[in-house]
């Protein structure tokens, strides 16, 4: 089992944790309704790739 030999400084700890961040999701506008959606996903209005896939009930 690994045992810490020396205390890490705050700077070293912060350098290691710089990659612990949330990535903002990529959003694109739907050409049909103008609402933001994730790419390669069907919009809530039922349009995907410029075609009406689902009719709203």
Protein backbone atom coordinates (compact mmCIF):
# COMPACT_ATOMS: atom_id res chain seq x y z
CA UNK A 1 0.00 0.00 0.00
CA UNK A 2 1.35 3.42 -0.96
CA UNK A 3 2.11 5.74 1.94
CA UNK A 4 2.65 9.45 1.45
CA UNK A 5 6.20 10.42 2.36
CA UNK A 6 5.93 14.21 2.13
CA UNK A 7 3.07 16.70 2.11
CA UNK A 8 2.12 18.05 -1.33
CA UNK A 9 2.06 21.81 -1.63
CA UNK A 10 -1.12 23.69 -2.53
CA UNK A 11 0.40 24.62 -5.88
CA UNK A 12 1.20 21.02 -6.79
CA UNK A 13 -2.29 19.93 -5.80
CA UNK A 14 -3.83 22.73 -7.87
CA UNK A 15 -1.72 21.81 -10.91
CA UNK A 16 -2.97 18.23 -10.71
CA UNK A 17 -6.60 19.33 -10.35
CA UNK A 18 -6.64 21.79 -13.27
CA UNK A 19 -8.21 19.09 -15.45
CA UNK A 20 -11.08 18.44 -12.99
CA UNK A 21 -13.51 20.76 -14.71
CA UNK A 22 -16.90 20.43 -16.33
CA UNK A 23 -17.07 20.74 -20.09
CA UNK A 24 -19.85 22.91 -21.44
CA UNK A 25 -22.10 20.94 -23.79
CA UNK A 26 -22.00 21.83 -27.48
CA UNK A 27 -25.31 23.31 -28.58
CA UNK A 28 -26.57 24.16 -32.07
CA UNK A 29 -29.72 25.94 -33.16
CA UNK A 30 -32.52 23.90 -34.70
CA UNK A 31 -33.17 25.19 -38.24
CA UNK A 32 -36.91 24.56 -37.90
CA UNK A 33 -37.81 26.10 -34.54
CA UNK A 34 -34.61 27.96 -33.53
CA UNK A 35 -34.32 26.18 -30.18
CA UNK A 36 -30.90 25.06 -28.97
CA UNK A 37 -30.25 21.31 -29.07
CA UNK A 38 -27.31 18.91 -28.93
CA UNK A 39 -25.83 18.04 -32.33
CA UNK A 40 -26.80 14.71 -33.93
CA UNK A 41 -29.94 14.55 -31.79
CA UNK A 42 -33.57 15.04 -32.74
CA UNK A 43 -35.04 18.38 -31.68
CA UNK A 44 -38.09 18.58 -29.44
CA UNK A 45 -40.08 19.87 -32.43
CA UNK A 46 -39.50 16.47 -34.12
CA UNK A 47 -37.00 17.55 -36.80
CA UNK A 48 -33.72 15.73 -37.49
CA UNK A 49 -31.38 16.50 -40.38
CA UNK A 50 -33.94 18.86 -41.92
CA UNK A 51 -36.68 16.21 -42.01
CA UNK A 52 -39.80 15.89 -39.86
CA UNK A 53 -39.35 12.58 -38.00
CA UNK A 54 -42.03 12.69 -35.31
CA UNK A 55 -45.39 14.41 -35.47
CA UNK A 56 -46.28 16.25 -32.30
CA UNK A 57 -49.40 14.72 -30.81
